Amino acid sequence: MTDTRVYPTFARNAAPSAARSTRRRTSLVLAGGAIFALALTGCSAGDAPESSSSATATSGASAEPTDDAAATSSPTPTPTPEATGAPIAQTCDDLLTLQNVYDFNPNYGTAPKYSPTAGSLAETAETYNGLTCGWSNQTSGELIEVSVVAPNDVLMTRLEQKADVDSQAVPTYGTPPAVDGFFTYAGGSGQAQVFTGTYWITMSSPAFYNEPGAAEGLMSAVLSHLG
């Protein structure tokens, strides 16, 4: 007798197919998780350089020198000594007496309204506390201008160097180095200068012509009165 019953065959294959489907879904889930993790890792790595750059910039700014440090390192300039002269205690009558002037030329007398001629040695002396005096020829009106300055070392050196350049040395006004004399003729006037250890003495006049000896007698009188 023939068995006509039909037996289902799919039941044997159903379990393996279900297992394969489960494994496939599991693999997809794991793969997706790995990709997401990599994406997160990539974002974190990108943020790190920004933090490092910011820290470096801050460190560089703090290394710059401050204004206080620069000011402290600047040297203090040394002040230059001022060229000046001390006030003169003597008067014009102390420098040259009426007899001294008369001995030079009887026609000379005092000049009450005297003021230093512009550009003269006497005008320069006046700027350094110098004493300036004038005697006038009563006939021609020609002046004899005399000035005395008591310079400090800076001014004494400056004036003597200028006299050495502008004038000729004259040994007859006194004995060097205690007395250094100079003479020049410029602008129609003879100009005599003497430097002692204490004073700068000047004389200017058309009456001195072009001869240093013309002022010698008056210069000797002034030196004797100053001591």
N, C-alpha and C. Protein backbone atom coordinates (compact mmCIF):
# COMPACT_ATOMS: atom_id res chain seq x y z
N MET A 1 0.84 -1.16 0.00
CA MET A 1 0.00 0.00 0.00
C MET A 1 0.90 1.24 0.00
N THR A 2 0.47 2.08 -0.95
CA THR A 2 1.37 3.26 -1.13
C THR A 2 0.95 4.36 -0.20
N ASP A 3 2.09 5.05 0.49
CA ASP A 3 1.84 6.17 1.44
C ASP A 3 1.73 7.44 0.63
N THR A 4 0.50 8.01 0.62
CA THR A 4 0.23 9.21 -0.19
C THR A 4 0.31 10.48 0.63
N ARG A 5 0.77 10.48 1.88
CA ARG A 5 0.84 11.69 2.70
C ARG A 5 2.03 12.55 2.28
N VAL A 6 1.75 13.83 2.28
CA VAL A 6 2.81 14.81 1.88
C VAL A 6 3.40 15.42 3.14
N TYR A 7 4.74 15.29 3.21
CA TYR A 7 5.43 15.84 4.39
C TYR A 7 6.07 17.19 4.06
N PRO A 8 5.86 18.20 4.91
CA PRO A 8 6.50 19.53 4.62
C PRO A 8 8.02 19.46 4.73
N THR A 9 8.72 20.11 3.77
CA THR A 9 10.20 20.06 3.73
C THR A 9 10.84 21.36 4.17
N PHE A 10 10.08 22.45 4.27
CA PHE A 10 10.69 23.75 4.57
C PHE A 10 11.09 23.88 6.01
N ALA A 11 10.59 23.03 6.87
CA ALA A 11 10.85 23.18 8.29
C ALA A 11 12.32 23.01 8.59
N ARG A 12 13.02 22.13 7.82
CA ARG A 12 14.44 21.90 8.10
C ARG A 12 15.27 23.13 7.78
N ASN A 13 14.88 23.84 6.72
CA ASN A 13 15.70 24.99 6.27
C ASN A 13 15.32 26.29 6.96
N ALA A 14 14.22 26.31 7.64
CA ALA A 14 13.74 27.56 8.25
C ALA A 14 14.65 28.03 9.34
N ALA A 15 15.15 27.16 10.17
CA ALA A 15 16.00 27.56 11.32
C ALA A 15 17.31 28.14 10.87
N PRO A 16 18.02 27.49 9.90
CA PRO A 16 19.29 28.09 9.45
C PRO A 16 19.08 29.44 8.83
N SER A 17 18.02 29.65 8.05
CA SER A 17 17.79 30.97 7.40
C SER A 17 17.56 32.04 8.44
N ALA A 18 16.81 31.70 9.46
CA ALA A 18 16.55 32.67 10.52
C ALA A 18 17.81 33.04 11.24
N ALA A 19 18.68 32.05 11.43
CA ALA A 19 19.97 32.32 12.11
C ALA A 19 20.82 33.24 11.30
N ARG A 20 20.84 32.98 9.94
CA ARG A 20 21.67 33.85 9.08
C ARG A 20 21.13 35.28 9.08
N SER A 21 19.81 35.42 9.07
CA SER A 21 19.22 36.75 9.09
C SER A 21 19.55 37.49 10.37
N THR A 22 19.54 36.77 11.46
CA THR A 22 19.88 37.41 12.76
C THR A 22 21.32 37.88 12.79
N ARG A 23 22.24 37.00 12.27
CA ARG A 23 23.67 37.38 12.24
C ARG A 23 23.89 38.59 11.36
N ARG A 24 23.16 38.70 10.22
CA ARG A 24 23.33 39.84 9.31
C ARG A 24 22.93 41.14 9.98
N ARG A 25 21.80 41.08 10.72
CA ARG A 25 21.36 42.30 11.40
C ARG A 25 22.35 42.71 12.48
N THR A 26 22.88 41.73 13.17
CA THR A 26 23.87 42.01 14.23
C THR A 26 25.10 42.67 13.64
N SER A 27 25.57 42.16 12.49
CA SER A 27 26.76 42.72 11.84
C SER A 27 26.51 44.15 11.41
N LEU A 28 25.34 44.42 10.87
CA LEU A 28 25.02 45.78 10.44
C LEU A 28 24.99 46.73 11.62
N VAL A 29 24.44 46.28 12.73
CA VAL A 29 24.40 47.14 13.93
C VAL A 29 25.79 47.43 14.42
N LEU A 30 26.65 46.42 14.48
CA LEU A 30 28.04 46.62 14.95
C LEU A 30 28.79 47.53 14.02
N ALA A 31 28.61 47.35 12.71
CA ALA A 31 29.31 48.20 11.73
C ALA A 31 28.86 49.63 11.86
N GLY A 32 27.57 49.86 12.04
CA GLY A 32 27.07 51.22 12.20
C GLY A 32 27.60 51.87 13.46
N GLY A 33 27.69 51.11 14.53
CA GLY A 33 28.25 51.65 15.78
C GLY A 33 29.69 52.04 15.62
N ALA A 34 30.45 51.25 14.90
CA ALA A 34 31.88 51.55 14.70
C ALA A 34 32.05 52.82 13.90
N ILE A 35 31.23 52.99 12.86
CA ILE A 35 31.31 54.20 12.03
C ILE A 35 30.97 55.42 12.86
N PHE A 36 29.93 55.34 13.71
CA PHE A 36 29.54 56.46 14.56
C PHE A 36 30.66 56.82 15.54
N ALA A 37 31.30 55.76 16.08
CA ALA A 37 32.40 55.99 17.03
C ALA A 37 33.56 56.69 16.34
N LEU A 38 33.85 56.28 15.09
CA LEU A 38 34.92 56.94 14.34
C LEU A 38 34.57 58.39 14.07
N ALA A 39 33.33 58.64 13.78
CA ALA A 39 32.91 60.02 13.51
C ALA A 39 33.10 60.88 14.74
N LEU A 40 32.75 60.38 15.91
CA LEU A 40 32.95 61.12 17.16
C LEU A 40 34.42 61.34 17.42
N THR A 41 35.22 60.32 17.17
CA THR A 41 36.65 60.44 17.37
C THR A 41 37.23 61.51 16.47
N GLY A 42 36.82 61.58 15.23
CA GLY A 42 37.28 62.59 14.29
C GLY A 42 36.95 63.98 14.76
N CYS A 43 35.78 64.21 15.32
CA CYS A 43 35.40 65.54 15.82
C CYS A 43 36.27 65.94 16.98
N SER A 44 36.56 65.02 17.89
CA SER A 44 37.41 65.34 19.04
C SER A 44 38.81 65.68 18.60
N ALA A 45 39.35 64.99 17.65
CA ALA A 45 40.71 65.25 17.16
C ALA A 45 40.79 66.61 16.50
N GLY A 46 39.71 67.05 15.83
CA GLY A 46 39.72 68.36 15.16
C GLY A 46 39.71 69.51 16.15
N ASP A 47 39.11 69.31 17.33
CA ASP A 47 39.05 70.38 18.32
C ASP A 47 40.38 70.61 19.01
N ALA A 48 41.23 69.61 19.11
CA ALA A 48 42.47 69.69 19.89
C ALA A 48 43.42 70.75 19.39
N PRO A 49 43.71 70.92 18.06
CA PRO A 49 44.66 71.95 17.61
C PRO A 49 44.23 73.36 17.99
N GLU A 50 42.88 73.63 18.00
CA GLU A 50 42.44 74.97 18.35
C GLU A 50 42.83 75.31 19.77
N SER A 51 42.68 74.38 20.67
CA SER A 51 43.04 74.60 22.07
C SER A 51 44.53 74.83 22.22
N SER A 52 45.34 74.04 21.50
CA SER A 52 46.80 74.17 21.57
C SER A 52 47.25 75.51 21.02
N SER A 53 46.64 75.98 19.89
CA SER A 53 47.01 77.26 19.28
C SER A 53 46.71 78.40 20.22
N SER A 54 45.56 78.32 20.88
CA SER A 54 45.18 79.39 21.80
C SER A 54 46.16 79.48 22.96
N ALA A 55 46.57 78.34 23.48
CA ALA A 55 47.52 78.33 24.59
C ALA A 55 48.85 78.91 24.17
N THR A 56 49.30 78.61 22.96
CA THR A 56 50.58 79.13 22.47
C THR A 56 50.55 80.64 22.33
N ALA A 57 49.45 81.18 21.80
CA ALA A 57 49.33 82.63 21.63
C ALA A 57 49.38 83.33 22.97
N THR A 58 48.72 82.76 23.96
CA THR A 58 48.72 83.38 25.30
C THR A 58 50.10 83.39 25.89
N SER A 59 50.82 82.30 25.70
CA SER A 59 52.17 82.21 26.23
C SER A 59 53.09 83.22 25.59
N GLY A 60 52.96 83.45 24.25
CA GLY A 60 53.79 84.42 23.55
C GLY A 60 53.53 85.83 24.01
N ALA A 61 52.29 86.21 24.29
CA ALA A 61 51.96 87.58 24.70
C ALA A 61 52.56 87.90 26.05
N SER A 62 52.59 86.93 26.95
CA SER A 62 53.11 87.19 28.29
C SER A 62 54.61 87.40 28.29
N ALA A 63 55.32 87.03 27.21
CA ALA A 63 56.77 87.17 27.16
C ALA A 63 57.22 88.55 26.72
N GLU A 64 56.31 89.43 26.24
CA GLU A 64 56.71 90.75 25.76
C GLU A 64 57.13 91.63 26.92
N PRO A 65 58.19 92.51 26.75
CA PRO A 65 58.64 93.37 27.84
C PRO A 65 57.61 94.44 28.14
N THR A 66 57.54 94.85 29.39
CA THR A 66 56.61 95.89 29.81
C THR A 66 57.24 97.26 29.65
N ASP A 67 56.42 98.31 29.67
CA ASP A 67 56.91 99.69 29.55
C ASP A 67 57.80 100.05 30.73
N ASP A 68 57.47 99.53 31.92
CA ASP A 68 58.28 99.84 33.11
C ASP A 68 59.70 99.33 32.96
N ALA A 69 59.84 98.13 32.36
CA ALA A 69 61.18 97.57 32.19
C ALA A 69 61.98 98.40 31.22
N ALA A 70 61.35 98.86 30.12
CA ALA A 70 62.06 99.68 29.14
C ALA A 70 62.47 101.01 29.73
N ALA A 71 61.60 101.61 30.54
CA ALA A 71 61.93 102.90 31.14
C ALA A 71 63.07 102.77 32.13
N THR A 72 63.11 101.67 32.87
CA THR A 72 64.16 101.46 33.86
C THR A 72 65.52 101.33 33.21
N SER A 73 65.58 100.73 32.00
CA SER A 73 66.86 100.49 31.35
C SER A 73 67.42 101.73 30.65
N SER A 74 66.64 102.82 30.51
CA SER A 74 67.11 104.01 29.82
C SER A 74 68.13 104.75 30.68
N PRO A 75 69.31 105.14 30.11
CA PRO A 75 70.32 105.84 30.91
C PRO A 75 69.89 107.27 31.20
N THR A 76 70.33 107.80 32.34
CA THR A 76 70.04 109.18 32.72
C THR A 76 71.10 110.09 32.13
N PRO A 77 70.70 111.09 31.31
CA PRO A 77 71.70 111.97 30.68
C PRO A 77 72.43 112.82 31.72
N THR A 78 73.72 113.04 31.46
CA THR A 78 74.52 113.88 32.35
C THR A 78 74.36 115.34 31.95
N PRO A 79 73.95 116.21 32.88
CA PRO A 79 73.74 117.61 32.52
C PRO A 79 75.06 118.29 32.14
N THR A 80 75.01 119.15 31.13
CA THR A 80 76.18 119.90 30.69
C THR A 80 76.34 121.14 31.57
N PRO A 81 77.54 121.39 32.13
CA PRO A 81 77.73 122.58 32.97
C PRO A 81 77.44 123.85 32.19
N GLU A 82 76.81 124.80 32.84
CA GLU A 82 76.44 126.06 32.19
C GLU A 82 77.64 127.00 32.14
N ALA A 83 77.79 127.68 31.00
CA ALA A 83 78.83 128.70 30.86
C ALA A 83 78.29 130.01 31.40
N THR A 84 78.87 130.52 32.46
CA THR A 84 78.37 131.75 33.07
C THR A 84 79.50 132.48 33.77
N GLY A 85 79.18 133.67 34.27
CA GLY A 85 80.16 134.47 34.99
C GLY A 85 79.59 134.97 36.30
N ALA A 86 80.46 135.17 37.28
CA ALA A 86 80.02 135.69 38.58
C ALA A 86 79.90 137.21 38.51
N PRO A 87 79.02 137.79 39.32
CA PRO A 87 78.90 139.26 39.35
C PRO A 87 80.22 139.93 39.71
N ILE A 88 80.46 141.10 39.14
CA ILE A 88 81.68 141.86 39.39
C ILE A 88 81.42 142.88 40.51
N ALA A 89 82.29 142.89 41.51
CA ALA A 89 82.12 143.81 42.64
C ALA A 89 82.64 145.22 42.34
N GLN A 90 83.60 145.34 41.44
CA GLN A 90 84.19 146.64 41.13
C GLN A 90 83.24 147.53 40.33
N THR A 91 83.54 148.83 40.31
CA THR A 91 82.81 149.81 39.50
C THR A 91 83.72 150.28 38.36
N CYS A 92 83.18 151.08 37.46
CA CYS A 92 83.97 151.60 36.35
C CYS A 92 85.11 152.49 36.85
N ASP A 93 84.87 153.26 37.92
CA ASP A 93 85.92 154.12 38.47
C ASP A 93 87.04 153.30 39.09
N ASP A 94 86.71 152.04 39.49
CA ASP A 94 87.75 151.15 40.04
C ASP A 94 88.65 150.62 38.92
N LEU A 95 88.10 150.45 37.74
CA LEU A 95 88.88 149.88 36.63
C LEU A 95 89.87 150.92 36.09
N LEU A 96 89.39 152.09 35.79
CA LEU A 96 90.23 153.16 35.27
C LEU A 96 89.89 154.46 36.00
N THR A 97 90.86 155.05 36.60
CA THR A 97 90.64 156.35 37.23
C THR A 97 90.67 157.44 36.17
N LEU A 98 90.20 158.65 36.56
CA LEU A 98 90.26 159.79 35.63
C LEU A 98 91.70 160.10 35.23
N GLN A 99 92.61 159.87 36.15
CA GLN A 99 94.01 160.10 35.84
C GLN A 99 94.52 159.10 34.81
N ASN A 100 94.13 157.85 34.93
CA ASN A 100 94.52 156.84 33.94
C ASN A 100 94.04 157.24 32.55
N VAL A 101 92.82 157.70 32.46
CA VAL A 101 92.25 158.10 31.17
C VAL A 101 92.96 159.35 30.65
N TYR A 102 93.21 160.29 31.53
CA TYR A 102 93.89 161.54 31.13
C TYR A 102 95.30 161.25 30.62
N ASP A 103 95.96 160.31 31.26
CA ASP A 103 97.31 159.96 30.82
C ASP A 103 97.29 159.33 29.43
N PHE A 104 96.23 158.64 29.11
CA PHE A 104 96.11 158.06 27.77
C PHE A 104 95.86 159.16 26.75
N ASN A 105 94.90 160.04 27.04
CA ASN A 105 94.57 161.15 26.14
C ASN A 105 93.75 162.17 26.95
N PRO A 106 94.24 163.40 27.12
CA PRO A 106 93.55 164.39 27.95
C PRO A 106 92.16 164.75 27.42
N ASN A 107 91.86 164.40 26.18
CA ASN A 107 90.57 164.76 25.60
C ASN A 107 89.48 163.75 25.91
N TYR A 108 89.82 162.66 26.63
CA TYR A 108 88.82 161.64 26.95
C TYR A 108 88.26 161.89 28.35
N GLY A 109 86.95 161.62 28.46
CA GLY A 109 86.27 161.71 29.76
C GLY A 109 85.17 160.66 29.83
N THR A 110 84.44 160.71 30.93
CA THR A 110 83.37 159.72 31.12
C THR A 110 82.27 159.89 30.07
N ALA A 111 81.55 158.78 29.84
CA ALA A 111 80.41 158.77 28.90
C ALA A 111 79.18 158.33 29.69
N PRO A 112 78.46 159.30 30.30
CA PRO A 112 77.36 158.96 31.23
C PRO A 112 76.25 158.11 30.61
N LYS A 113 75.96 158.28 29.34
CA LYS A 113 74.87 157.54 28.69
C LYS A 113 75.38 156.32 27.93
N TYR A 114 76.55 155.85 28.33
CA TYR A 114 77.16 154.74 27.58
C TYR A 114 76.35 153.45 27.72
N SER A 115 76.25 152.71 26.61
CA SER A 115 75.75 151.32 26.59
C SER A 115 76.58 150.58 25.55
N PRO A 116 76.83 149.28 25.77
CA PRO A 116 77.69 148.52 24.85
C PRO A 116 77.24 148.61 23.40
N THR A 117 78.21 148.77 22.51
CA THR A 117 77.93 148.80 21.07
C THR A 117 77.46 147.42 20.61
N ALA A 118 76.48 147.40 19.73
CA ALA A 118 75.95 146.13 19.23
C ALA A 118 77.06 145.32 18.55
N GLY A 119 77.16 144.05 18.92
CA GLY A 119 78.16 143.15 18.34
C GLY A 119 79.55 143.29 18.93
N SER A 120 79.73 144.14 19.94
CA SER A 120 81.06 144.36 20.52
C SER A 120 81.38 143.31 21.57
N LEU A 121 82.67 143.26 21.97
CA LEU A 121 83.07 142.37 23.06
C LEU A 121 82.38 142.76 24.36
N ALA A 122 82.16 144.06 24.54
CA ALA A 122 81.47 144.52 25.76
C ALA A 122 80.04 143.99 25.81
N GLU A 123 79.38 143.94 24.67
CA GLU A 123 78.01 143.40 24.65
C GLU A 123 78.02 141.93 25.04
N THR A 124 79.00 141.17 24.55
CA THR A 124 79.13 139.76 24.95
C THR A 124 79.37 139.66 26.44
N ALA A 125 80.22 140.52 26.98
CA ALA A 125 80.52 140.49 28.42
C ALA A 125 79.27 140.74 29.25
N GLU A 126 78.44 141.62 28.78
CA GLU A 126 77.23 141.98 29.52
C GLU A 126 76.31 140.77 29.69
N THR A 127 76.30 139.85 28.75
CA THR A 127 75.43 138.67 28.85
C THR A 127 75.92 137.68 29.90
N TYR A 128 77.15 137.85 30.40
CA TYR A 128 77.72 136.94 31.40
C TYR A 128 78.00 137.67 32.72
N ASN A 129 77.10 138.55 33.11
CA ASN A 129 77.23 139.31 34.36
C ASN A 129 78.45 140.21 34.37
N GLY A 130 78.93 140.60 33.22
CA GLY A 130 80.13 141.43 33.14
C GLY A 130 79.87 142.90 33.45
N LEU A 131 80.90 143.58 33.85
CA LEU A 131 80.87 145.03 34.06
C LEU A 131 81.33 145.69 32.77
N THR A 132 80.54 146.62 32.24
CA THR A 132 80.89 147.31 31.00
C THR A 132 80.96 148.82 31.26
N CYS A 133 82.00 149.46 30.73
CA CYS A 133 82.24 150.89 30.98
C CYS A 133 82.64 151.59 29.68
N GLY A 134 82.36 152.89 29.60
CA GLY A 134 82.72 153.64 28.40
C GLY A 134 83.27 155.01 28.73
N TRP A 135 84.29 155.41 27.95
CA TRP A 135 84.86 156.76 28.02
C TRP A 135 84.82 157.34 26.62
N SER A 136 84.51 158.61 26.53
CA SER A 136 84.27 159.23 25.23
C SER A 136 85.26 160.35 24.95
N ASN A 137 85.68 160.43 23.69
CA ASN A 137 86.50 161.56 23.23
C ASN A 137 85.57 162.77 23.12
N GLN A 138 85.89 163.84 23.87
CA GLN A 138 84.99 164.98 23.95
C GLN A 138 84.90 165.76 22.63
N THR A 139 85.83 165.51 21.73
CA THR A 139 85.81 166.20 20.44
C THR A 139 85.17 165.35 19.35
N SER A 140 85.68 164.11 19.18
CA SER A 140 85.21 163.26 18.08
C SER A 140 84.05 162.36 18.48
N GLY A 141 83.85 162.14 19.76
CA GLY A 141 82.81 161.22 20.21
C GLY A 141 83.22 159.75 20.17
N GLU A 142 84.46 159.45 19.78
CA GLU A 142 84.93 158.06 19.76
C GLU A 142 84.91 157.47 21.18
N LEU A 143 84.54 156.23 21.25
CA LEU A 143 84.44 155.55 22.55
C LEU A 143 85.64 154.65 22.82
N ILE A 144 85.96 154.51 24.09
CA ILE A 144 86.80 153.42 24.58
C ILE A 144 85.89 152.56 25.45
N GLU A 145 85.68 151.34 25.04
CA GLU A 145 84.80 150.42 25.77
C GLU A 145 85.66 149.41 26.53
N VAL A 146 85.37 149.27 27.81
CA VAL A 146 86.12 148.34 28.67
C VAL A 146 85.11 147.42 29.35
N SER A 147 85.41 146.14 29.41
CA SER A 147 84.54 145.19 30.11
C SER A 147 85.37 144.19 30.90
N VAL A 148 84.76 143.70 31.97
CA VAL A 148 85.41 142.69 32.83
C VAL A 148 84.38 141.62 33.16
N VAL A 149 84.75 140.36 32.98
CA VAL A 149 83.90 139.21 33.30
C VAL A 149 84.70 138.27 34.21
N ALA A 150 84.00 137.66 35.19
CA ALA A 150 84.62 136.63 36.05
C ALA A 150 84.03 135.28 35.64
N PRO A 151 84.58 134.64 34.59
CA PRO A 151 83.95 133.42 34.04
C PRO A 151 84.21 132.19 34.91
N ASN A 152 83.27 131.22 34.83
CA ASN A 152 83.58 129.91 35.38
C ASN A 152 84.48 129.17 34.39
N ASP A 153 84.92 127.97 34.75
CA ASP A 153 85.90 127.25 33.93
C ASP A 153 85.37 126.98 32.51
N VAL A 154 84.08 126.65 32.42
CA VAL A 154 83.51 126.34 31.10
C VAL A 154 83.55 127.57 30.21
N LEU A 155 83.12 128.70 30.72
CA LEU A 155 83.10 129.93 29.92
C LEU A 155 84.51 130.43 29.63
N MET A 156 85.41 130.34 30.61
CA MET A 156 86.79 130.79 30.40
C MET A 156 87.43 130.04 29.23
N THR A 157 87.25 128.72 29.21
CA THR A 157 87.82 127.91 28.13
C THR A 157 87.23 128.29 26.78
N ARG A 158 85.92 128.48 26.75
CA ARG A 158 85.24 128.82 25.50
C ARG A 158 85.71 130.17 24.96
N LEU A 159 85.79 131.16 25.83
CA LEU A 159 86.19 132.50 25.40
C LEU A 159 87.65 132.54 24.94
N GLU A 160 88.51 131.84 25.66
CA GLU A 160 89.92 131.86 25.29
C GLU A 160 90.17 131.13 23.97
N GLN A 161 89.44 130.04 23.75
CA GLN A 161 89.57 129.34 22.47
C GLN A 161 89.13 130.22 21.31
N LYS A 162 88.06 130.99 21.51
CA LYS A 162 87.57 131.88 20.46
C LYS A 162 88.57 133.00 20.20
N ALA A 163 89.14 133.56 21.26
CA ALA A 163 90.14 134.62 21.10
C ALA A 163 91.37 134.11 20.36
N ASP A 164 91.75 132.88 20.64
CA ASP A 164 92.92 132.30 19.99
C ASP A 164 92.68 132.13 18.49
N VAL A 165 91.43 131.86 18.09
CA VAL A 165 91.09 131.70 16.68
C VAL A 165 90.94 133.05 15.98
N ASP A 166 90.29 133.99 16.66
CA ASP A 166 89.94 135.26 16.02
C ASP A 166 91.04 136.33 16.11
N SER A 167 92.00 136.18 17.03
CA SER A 167 92.98 137.25 17.28
C SER A 167 94.40 136.71 17.26
N GLN A 168 95.35 137.63 17.43
CA GLN A 168 96.77 137.27 17.51
C GLN A 168 97.24 137.42 18.95
N ALA A 169 98.09 136.50 19.37
CA ALA A 169 98.61 136.56 20.75
C ALA A 169 99.51 137.78 20.91
N VAL A 170 99.39 138.42 22.08
CA VAL A 170 100.18 139.61 22.40
C VAL A 170 100.86 139.39 23.76
N PRO A 171 102.17 139.17 23.80
CA PRO A 171 102.85 138.90 25.07
C PRO A 171 103.10 140.17 25.90
N THR A 172 102.94 141.36 25.34
CA THR A 172 103.26 142.59 26.06
C THR A 172 102.17 143.03 27.04
N TYR A 173 101.02 142.39 27.03
CA TYR A 173 99.97 142.74 27.99
C TYR A 173 100.22 142.11 29.36
N GLY A 174 101.06 141.13 29.43
CA GLY A 174 101.36 140.44 30.69
C GLY A 174 102.21 139.22 30.40
N THR A 175 102.59 138.54 31.46
CA THR A 175 103.46 137.37 31.31
C THR A 175 102.62 136.09 31.26
N PRO A 176 102.62 135.36 30.14
CA PRO A 176 101.90 134.08 30.07
C PRO A 176 102.60 133.06 30.99
N PRO A 177 101.89 132.08 31.55
CA PRO A 177 100.45 131.85 31.37
C PRO A 177 99.58 132.59 32.38
N ALA A 178 100.21 133.38 33.29
CA ALA A 178 99.39 134.12 34.25
C ALA A 178 98.49 135.12 33.55
N VAL A 179 98.98 135.70 32.48
CA VAL A 179 98.21 136.65 31.66
C VAL A 179 98.39 136.29 30.20
N ASP A 180 97.29 135.97 29.53
CA ASP A 180 97.32 135.68 28.09
C ASP A 180 96.63 136.82 27.35
N GLY A 181 97.38 137.52 26.48
CA GLY A 181 96.83 138.65 25.76
C GLY A 181 96.61 138.39 24.29
N PHE A 182 95.60 139.07 23.71
CA PHE A 182 95.26 138.92 22.30
C PHE A 182 94.85 140.28 21.75
N PHE A 183 95.05 140.46 20.44
CA PHE A 183 94.64 141.71 19.80
C PHE A 183 94.24 141.43 18.36
N THR A 184 93.24 142.18 17.91
CA THR A 184 92.84 142.15 16.51
C THR A 184 92.24 143.51 16.15
N TYR A 185 92.21 143.80 14.85
CA TYR A 185 91.60 145.04 14.37
C TYR A 185 90.49 144.65 13.40
N ALA A 186 89.26 145.02 13.73
CA ALA A 186 88.11 144.62 12.90
C ALA A 186 87.04 145.68 12.98
N GLY A 187 86.42 145.97 11.86
CA GLY A 187 85.31 146.92 11.82
C GLY A 187 85.71 148.33 12.22
N GLY A 188 86.96 148.70 11.93
CA GLY A 188 87.41 150.04 12.28
C GLY A 188 87.73 150.25 13.74
N SER A 189 87.89 149.14 14.48
CA SER A 189 88.16 149.25 15.92
C SER A 189 89.22 148.23 16.33
N GLY A 190 90.17 148.69 17.16
CA GLY A 190 91.13 147.76 17.74
C GLY A 190 90.52 147.07 18.95
N GLN A 191 90.72 145.75 19.05
CA GLN A 191 90.12 144.97 20.13
C GLN A 191 91.20 144.20 20.88
N ALA A 192 91.35 144.53 22.15
CA ALA A 192 92.34 143.88 23.00
C ALA A 192 91.62 142.99 24.02
N GLN A 193 92.20 141.80 24.28
CA GLN A 193 91.63 140.87 25.27
C GLN A 193 92.75 140.33 26.14
N VAL A 194 92.42 140.15 27.42
CA VAL A 194 93.38 139.55 28.35
C VAL A 194 92.63 138.53 29.22
N PHE A 195 93.28 137.38 29.43
CA PHE A 195 92.73 136.33 30.30
C PHE A 195 93.69 136.12 31.47
N THR A 196 93.17 136.26 32.68
CA THR A 196 93.94 135.93 33.87
C THR A 196 93.31 134.67 34.48
N GLY A 197 93.77 134.26 35.62
CA GLY A 197 93.16 133.10 36.25
C GLY A 197 91.75 133.37 36.74
N THR A 198 91.37 134.64 36.82
CA THR A 198 90.06 135.00 37.38
C THR A 198 89.18 135.77 36.40
N TYR A 199 89.79 136.62 35.54
CA TYR A 199 89.02 137.56 34.74
C TYR A 199 89.26 137.42 33.23
N TRP A 200 88.24 137.86 32.50
CA TRP A 200 88.36 138.12 31.06
C TRP A 200 88.15 139.62 30.88
N ILE A 201 89.16 140.31 30.39
CA ILE A 201 89.13 141.77 30.25
C ILE A 201 89.19 142.12 28.77
N THR A 202 88.33 143.03 28.34
CA THR A 202 88.34 143.45 26.94
C THR A 202 88.39 144.97 26.85
N MET A 203 89.00 145.46 25.75
CA MET A 203 89.02 146.89 25.42
C MET A 203 88.83 147.02 23.92
N SER A 204 87.96 147.96 23.52
CA SER A 204 87.71 148.19 22.10
C SER A 204 87.61 149.70 21.86
N SER A 205 88.27 150.16 20.78
CA SER A 205 88.19 151.59 20.42
C SER A 205 88.82 151.84 19.06
N PRO A 206 88.25 152.78 18.30
CA PRO A 206 88.94 153.23 17.08
C PRO A 206 90.28 153.89 17.40
N ALA A 207 90.42 154.35 18.64
CA ALA A 207 91.67 155.01 19.03
C ALA A 207 92.84 154.05 19.09
N PHE A 208 92.58 152.75 19.10
CA PHE A 208 93.67 151.77 19.18
C PHE A 208 94.25 151.47 17.79
N TYR A 209 93.63 151.96 16.73
CA TYR A 209 94.10 151.78 15.36
C TYR A 209 94.41 150.30 15.09
N ASN A 210 95.49 150.07 14.40
CA ASN A 210 95.86 148.69 14.09
C ASN A 210 97.12 148.30 14.84
N GLU A 211 97.19 148.74 16.09
CA GLU A 211 98.42 148.55 16.86
C GLU A 211 98.10 148.07 18.27
N PRO A 212 98.51 146.84 18.66
CA PRO A 212 98.20 146.33 20.01
C PRO A 212 98.82 147.20 21.11
N GLY A 213 99.93 147.86 20.82
CA GLY A 213 100.57 148.68 21.83
C GLY A 213 99.74 149.90 22.22
N ALA A 214 98.78 150.33 21.37
CA ALA A 214 97.97 151.50 21.68
C ALA A 214 97.10 151.28 22.92
N ALA A 215 96.75 150.04 23.19
CA ALA A 215 95.91 149.74 24.36
C ALA A 215 96.72 149.28 25.56
N GLU A 216 98.01 149.19 25.42
CA GLU A 216 98.85 148.58 26.46
C GLU A 216 98.79 149.34 27.77
N GLY A 217 98.87 150.70 27.73
CA GLY A 217 98.88 151.48 28.97
C GLY A 217 97.57 151.33 29.74
N LEU A 218 96.44 151.41 29.07
CA LEU A 218 95.15 151.26 29.73
C LEU A 218 94.95 149.84 30.26
N MET A 219 95.40 148.86 29.50
CA MET A 219 95.24 147.47 29.94
C MET A 219 96.07 147.23 31.20
N SER A 220 97.26 147.77 31.25
CA SER A 220 98.11 147.61 32.45
C SER A 220 97.46 148.24 33.67
N ALA A 221 96.78 149.40 33.47
CA ALA A 221 96.11 150.07 34.59
C ALA A 221 94.95 149.23 35.11
N VAL A 222 94.15 148.66 34.23
CA VAL A 222 93.03 147.80 34.66
C VAL A 222 93.54 146.59 35.42
N LEU A 223 94.59 145.95 34.92
CA LEU A 223 95.14 144.76 35.59
C LEU A 223 95.65 145.10 36.99
N SER A 224 96.25 146.26 37.13
CA SER A 224 96.78 146.66 38.44
C SER A 224 95.64 146.94 39.45
N HIS A 225 94.52 147.45 38.98
CA HIS A 225 93.39 147.71 39.87
C HIS A 225 92.62 146.47 40.26
N LEU A 226 92.63 145.48 39.38
CA LEU A 226 91.94 144.21 39.70
C LEU A 226 92.78 143.34 40.62
N GLY A 227 94.09 143.59 40.63
CA GLY A 227 94.97 142.84 41.53
C GLY A 227 95.40 141.52 41.00
